[in-house]
């Protein structure tokens, strides 16, 4: 499990991609009222962990199966009583809380 979804901006980006389909960095930045650099940085993180893919025409597409799997892993940790992995407990401004709902 990664802590990628424990970031509000990344979950907002994923929500737009899941509900509205593929979008460019520029389209996402306008929809979410983010700077291009912020949007690009979060797209790079989401791409690096495989939650989104780059498709033709510079668009990004979310992978519903991978997002669902990640959300379920987070839910298991929080609802299953298991201890979160060490990186989750250290820094990165991530604090344990209720599971995130993407859809």
N, C-alpha and C. Protein backbone atom coordinates (compact mmCIF):
# COMPACT_ATOMS: atom_id res chain seq x y z
N UNK A 1 0.85 -1.18 0.00
CA UNK A 1 0.00 0.00 0.00
C UNK A 1 0.89 1.24 0.00
N UNK A 2 0.55 2.20 -0.80
CA UNK A 2 1.29 3.45 -0.79
C UNK A 2 0.42 4.52 -0.13
N UNK A 3 1.05 5.63 0.18
CA UNK A 3 0.31 6.72 0.82
C UNK A 3 -0.11 7.78 -0.19
N UNK A 4 -0.04 7.45 -1.45
CA UNK A 4 -0.34 8.40 -2.52
C UNK A 4 -1.74 8.98 -2.39
N UNK A 5 -2.72 8.17 -2.00
CA UNK A 5 -4.09 8.65 -1.92
C UNK A 5 -4.38 9.43 -0.64
N UNK A 6 -3.39 9.56 0.21
CA UNK A 6 -3.59 10.34 1.43
C UNK A 6 -3.25 11.80 1.19
N UNK A 7 -3.58 12.27 0.01
CA UNK A 7 -3.34 13.65 -0.38
C UNK A 7 -4.59 14.15 -1.09
N UNK A 8 -5.16 15.21 -0.59
CA UNK A 8 -6.43 15.72 -1.11
C UNK A 8 -6.35 16.11 -2.58
N UNK A 9 -5.27 16.74 -2.98
CA UNK A 9 -5.15 17.17 -4.39
C UNK A 9 -5.12 15.97 -5.32
N UNK A 10 -4.37 14.93 -4.95
CA UNK A 10 -4.31 13.74 -5.81
C UNK A 10 -5.66 13.03 -5.88
N UNK A 11 -6.39 13.00 -4.77
CA UNK A 11 -7.70 12.36 -4.83
C UNK A 11 -8.67 13.18 -5.67
N UNK A 12 -8.54 14.50 -5.65
CA UNK A 12 -9.37 15.35 -6.51
C UNK A 12 -9.06 15.10 -7.99
N UNK A 13 -7.79 14.99 -8.32
CA UNK A 13 -7.38 14.70 -9.70
C UNK A 13 -7.94 13.35 -10.14
N UNK A 14 -7.79 12.35 -9.29
CA UNK A 14 -8.31 11.02 -9.64
C UNK A 14 -9.82 11.05 -9.82
N UNK A 15 -10.52 11.78 -8.96
CA UNK A 15 -11.98 11.85 -9.06
C UNK A 15 -12.38 12.42 -10.43
N UNK A 16 -11.74 13.49 -10.86
CA UNK A 16 -12.05 14.08 -12.16
C UNK A 16 -11.77 13.09 -13.28
N UNK A 17 -10.62 12.44 -13.23
CA UNK A 17 -10.28 11.48 -14.28
C UNK A 17 -11.22 10.29 -14.31
N UNK A 18 -11.64 9.82 -13.15
CA UNK A 18 -12.56 8.68 -13.10
C UNK A 18 -13.96 9.05 -13.57
N UNK A 19 -14.43 10.22 -13.20
CA UNK A 19 -15.80 10.62 -13.53
C UNK A 19 -15.94 11.24 -14.92
N UNK A 20 -14.92 11.96 -15.36
CA UNK A 20 -15.03 12.69 -16.62
C UNK A 20 -14.18 12.13 -17.75
N UNK A 21 -13.34 11.16 -17.45
CA UNK A 21 -12.51 10.56 -18.48
C UNK A 21 -11.18 11.29 -18.64
N UNK A 22 -10.40 10.86 -19.64
CA UNK A 22 -9.07 11.42 -19.84
C UNK A 22 -9.06 12.94 -19.98
N UNK A 23 -8.05 13.57 -19.41
CA UNK A 23 -7.88 15.02 -19.45
C UNK A 23 -6.41 15.36 -19.57
N UNK A 24 -6.13 16.53 -20.10
CA UNK A 24 -4.75 17.02 -20.14
C UNK A 24 -4.42 17.69 -18.81
N UNK A 25 -3.14 17.93 -18.61
CA UNK A 25 -2.69 18.64 -17.42
C UNK A 25 -3.36 20.01 -17.35
N UNK A 26 -3.41 20.69 -18.48
CA UNK A 26 -4.01 22.02 -18.52
C UNK A 26 -5.50 21.98 -18.16
N UNK A 27 -6.23 21.02 -18.71
CA UNK A 27 -7.66 20.89 -18.40
C UNK A 27 -7.87 20.62 -16.92
N UNK A 28 -7.06 19.74 -16.36
CA UNK A 28 -7.19 19.44 -14.93
C UNK A 28 -6.88 20.67 -14.07
N UNK A 29 -5.84 21.39 -14.45
CA UNK A 29 -5.48 22.57 -13.65
C UNK A 29 -6.61 23.61 -13.67
N UNK A 30 -7.28 23.76 -14.81
CA UNK A 30 -8.40 24.69 -14.88
C UNK A 30 -9.60 24.21 -14.07
N UNK A 31 -9.94 22.93 -14.22
CA UNK A 31 -11.10 22.37 -13.50
C UNK A 31 -10.91 22.43 -11.99
N UNK A 32 -9.68 22.16 -11.54
CA UNK A 32 -9.41 22.08 -10.11
C UNK A 32 -8.83 23.36 -9.52
N UNK A 33 -8.63 24.36 -10.39
CA UNK A 33 -8.08 25.65 -9.96
C UNK A 33 -6.73 25.48 -9.27
N UNK A 34 -5.86 24.75 -9.97
CA UNK A 34 -4.50 24.51 -9.50
C UNK A 34 -3.52 25.10 -10.50
N UNK A 35 -2.31 25.39 -10.07
CA UNK A 35 -1.30 25.84 -11.02
C UNK A 35 -0.89 24.65 -11.89
N UNK A 36 -0.36 24.95 -13.06
CA UNK A 36 0.12 23.88 -13.94
C UNK A 36 1.22 23.07 -13.27
N UNK A 37 2.13 23.75 -12.57
CA UNK A 37 3.24 23.03 -11.94
C UNK A 37 2.75 22.09 -10.84
N UNK A 38 1.77 22.53 -10.07
CA UNK A 38 1.21 21.66 -9.02
C UNK A 38 0.51 20.47 -9.65
N UNK A 39 -0.28 20.72 -10.67
CA UNK A 39 -1.00 19.64 -11.34
C UNK A 39 -0.01 18.64 -11.94
N UNK A 40 1.02 19.14 -12.61
CA UNK A 40 2.02 18.26 -13.22
C UNK A 40 2.73 17.41 -12.16
N UNK A 41 3.09 18.02 -11.05
CA UNK A 41 3.77 17.29 -9.97
C UNK A 41 2.91 16.13 -9.47
N UNK A 42 1.62 16.39 -9.25
CA UNK A 42 0.73 15.32 -8.76
C UNK A 42 0.47 14.27 -9.84
N UNK A 43 0.37 14.69 -11.09
CA UNK A 43 0.22 13.71 -12.18
C UNK A 43 1.44 12.80 -12.27
N UNK A 44 2.63 13.36 -12.06
CA UNK A 44 3.85 12.55 -12.08
C UNK A 44 3.83 11.51 -10.97
N UNK A 45 3.39 11.89 -9.78
CA UNK A 45 3.31 10.94 -8.67
C UNK A 45 2.30 9.84 -8.99
N UNK A 46 1.12 10.22 -9.45
CA UNK A 46 0.08 9.23 -9.76
C UNK A 46 0.51 8.29 -10.89
N UNK A 47 1.24 8.83 -11.86
CA UNK A 47 1.75 7.99 -12.94
C UNK A 47 2.82 7.03 -12.44
N UNK A 48 3.69 7.52 -11.58
CA UNK A 48 4.80 6.68 -11.09
C UNK A 48 4.33 5.48 -10.29
N UNK A 49 3.16 5.56 -9.66
CA UNK A 49 2.65 4.42 -8.89
C UNK A 49 1.61 3.63 -9.67
N UNK A 50 1.36 4.02 -10.92
CA UNK A 50 0.49 3.25 -11.80
C UNK A 50 -1.00 3.49 -11.65
N UNK A 51 -1.40 4.54 -10.93
CA UNK A 51 -2.83 4.81 -10.79
C UNK A 51 -3.41 5.52 -12.01
N UNK A 52 -2.56 6.19 -12.77
CA UNK A 52 -2.99 6.79 -14.03
C UNK A 52 -1.98 6.46 -15.12
N UNK A 53 -2.44 6.54 -16.36
CA UNK A 53 -1.60 6.30 -17.53
C UNK A 53 -1.69 7.52 -18.43
N UNK A 54 -0.63 7.72 -19.20
CA UNK A 54 -0.66 8.78 -20.21
C UNK A 54 -1.15 8.15 -21.51
N UNK A 55 -2.12 8.79 -22.13
CA UNK A 55 -2.69 8.29 -23.38
C UNK A 55 -2.43 9.32 -24.47
N UNK A 56 -2.72 9.00 -25.73
CA UNK A 56 -2.43 9.94 -26.82
C UNK A 56 -2.98 11.34 -26.58
N UNK A 57 -2.38 12.29 -27.27
CA UNK A 57 -2.76 13.71 -27.21
C UNK A 57 -2.47 14.33 -25.86
N UNK A 58 -1.51 13.77 -25.11
CA UNK A 58 -1.10 14.37 -23.85
C UNK A 58 -2.13 14.26 -22.74
N UNK A 59 -3.03 13.32 -22.86
CA UNK A 59 -4.07 13.14 -21.85
C UNK A 59 -3.66 12.09 -20.82
N UNK A 60 -4.27 12.20 -19.66
CA UNK A 60 -4.05 11.24 -18.59
C UNK A 60 -5.36 10.53 -18.30
N UNK A 61 -5.27 9.23 -18.03
CA UNK A 61 -6.45 8.40 -17.79
C UNK A 61 -6.24 7.63 -16.49
N UNK A 62 -7.25 7.59 -15.63
CA UNK A 62 -7.17 6.84 -14.39
C UNK A 62 -7.47 5.37 -14.66
N UNK A 63 -6.86 4.51 -13.87
CA UNK A 63 -7.12 3.08 -13.95
C UNK A 63 -8.08 2.72 -12.81
N UNK A 64 -9.38 2.54 -13.10
CA UNK A 64 -10.35 2.27 -12.04
C UNK A 64 -9.99 1.06 -11.18
N UNK A 65 -9.46 0.00 -11.81
CA UNK A 65 -9.12 -1.20 -11.05
C UNK A 65 -7.99 -0.93 -10.06
N UNK A 66 -6.98 -0.20 -10.50
CA UNK A 66 -5.85 0.09 -9.62
C UNK A 66 -6.24 1.05 -8.51
N UNK A 67 -7.08 2.02 -8.83
CA UNK A 67 -7.55 2.96 -7.80
C UNK A 67 -8.38 2.19 -6.77
N UNK A 68 -9.28 1.34 -7.23
CA UNK A 68 -10.12 0.55 -6.32
C UNK A 68 -9.25 -0.31 -5.41
N UNK A 69 -8.24 -0.94 -5.96
CA UNK A 69 -7.34 -1.78 -5.17
C UNK A 69 -6.63 -0.96 -4.09
N UNK A 70 -6.18 0.22 -4.46
CA UNK A 70 -5.49 1.09 -3.50
C UNK A 70 -6.44 1.55 -2.39
N UNK A 71 -7.65 1.91 -2.76
CA UNK A 71 -8.64 2.34 -1.76
C UNK A 71 -8.96 1.18 -0.81
N UNK A 72 -9.10 -0.02 -1.36
CA UNK A 72 -9.37 -1.18 -0.52
C UNK A 72 -8.22 -1.45 0.43
N UNK A 73 -6.99 -1.31 -0.03
CA UNK A 73 -5.82 -1.52 0.84
C UNK A 73 -5.82 -0.52 1.99
N UNK A 74 -6.17 0.73 1.70
CA UNK A 74 -6.24 1.74 2.76
C UNK A 74 -7.34 1.36 3.75
N UNK A 75 -8.48 0.93 3.24
CA UNK A 75 -9.59 0.54 4.11
C UNK A 75 -9.23 -0.63 5.01
N UNK A 76 -8.49 -1.59 4.49
CA UNK A 76 -8.09 -2.75 5.28
C UNK A 76 -7.22 -2.31 6.45
N UNK A 77 -6.30 -1.41 6.20
CA UNK A 77 -5.41 -0.94 7.26
C UNK A 77 -6.21 -0.22 8.34
N UNK A 78 -7.10 0.68 7.93
CA UNK A 78 -7.83 1.48 8.92
C UNK A 78 -8.98 0.75 9.56
N UNK A 79 -9.73 -0.01 8.80
CA UNK A 79 -10.89 -0.69 9.35
C UNK A 79 -10.56 -2.07 9.91
N UNK A 80 -9.48 -2.67 9.40
CA UNK A 80 -9.12 -4.01 9.83
C UNK A 80 -8.30 -4.05 11.11
N UNK A 81 -7.96 -2.90 11.62
CA UNK A 81 -7.22 -2.86 12.87
C UNK A 81 -5.74 -3.12 12.70
N UNK A 82 -5.28 -3.30 11.47
CA UNK A 82 -3.86 -3.52 11.26
C UNK A 82 -3.08 -2.24 11.47
N UNK A 83 -1.82 -2.39 11.74
CA UNK A 83 -0.96 -1.23 11.94
C UNK A 83 -0.50 -0.73 10.58
N UNK A 84 -0.63 0.56 10.32
CA UNK A 84 -0.15 1.09 9.03
C UNK A 84 1.34 0.86 8.87
N UNK A 85 1.82 0.73 7.63
CA UNK A 85 3.25 0.59 7.40
C UNK A 85 4.01 1.79 7.96
N UNK A 86 5.26 1.59 8.33
CA UNK A 86 6.07 2.64 8.94
C UNK A 86 6.07 3.95 8.18
N UNK A 87 6.20 3.96 6.83
CA UNK A 87 6.22 5.25 6.13
C UNK A 87 4.95 6.07 6.35
N UNK A 88 3.83 5.39 6.60
CA UNK A 88 2.59 6.09 6.81
C UNK A 88 2.60 6.84 8.14
N UNK A 89 3.36 6.33 9.08
CA UNK A 89 3.40 6.93 10.40
C UNK A 89 4.44 8.02 10.51
N UNK A 90 5.30 8.15 9.53
CA UNK A 90 6.40 9.10 9.60
C UNK A 90 6.24 10.21 8.59
N UNK A 91 6.29 11.43 9.03
CA UNK A 91 6.33 12.59 8.14
C UNK A 91 5.25 12.61 7.08
N UNK A 92 5.57 13.25 5.98
CA UNK A 92 4.72 13.38 4.81
C UNK A 92 3.33 13.92 5.12
N UNK A 93 3.16 14.54 6.25
CA UNK A 93 1.91 15.15 6.66
C UNK A 93 0.73 14.21 6.60
N UNK A 94 0.96 12.91 6.45
CA UNK A 94 -0.14 11.95 6.40
C UNK A 94 -0.46 11.51 7.82
N UNK A 95 -1.71 11.62 8.18
CA UNK A 95 -2.12 11.16 9.50
C UNK A 95 -3.23 10.15 9.33
N UNK A 96 -3.21 9.10 10.13
CA UNK A 96 -4.26 8.09 10.01
C UNK A 96 -5.64 8.72 10.21
N UNK A 97 -6.60 8.25 9.47
CA UNK A 97 -7.96 8.75 9.56
C UNK A 97 -8.90 7.80 8.84
N UNK A 98 -10.10 8.23 8.57
CA UNK A 98 -11.05 7.34 7.89
C UNK A 98 -10.60 7.07 6.45
N UNK A 99 -11.03 5.93 5.88
CA UNK A 99 -10.64 5.61 4.51
C UNK A 99 -11.20 6.65 3.54
N UNK A 100 -10.48 6.85 2.45
CA UNK A 100 -10.90 7.81 1.43
C UNK A 100 -11.85 7.15 0.46
N UNK A 101 -12.85 7.86 0.04
CA UNK A 101 -13.78 7.38 -0.96
C UNK A 101 -13.54 8.16 -2.24
N UNK A 102 -13.21 7.47 -3.32
CA UNK A 102 -12.89 8.12 -4.58
C UNK A 102 -14.13 8.31 -5.43
N UNK A 103 -14.99 7.32 -5.47
CA UNK A 103 -16.15 7.42 -6.37
C UNK A 103 -17.41 7.70 -5.61
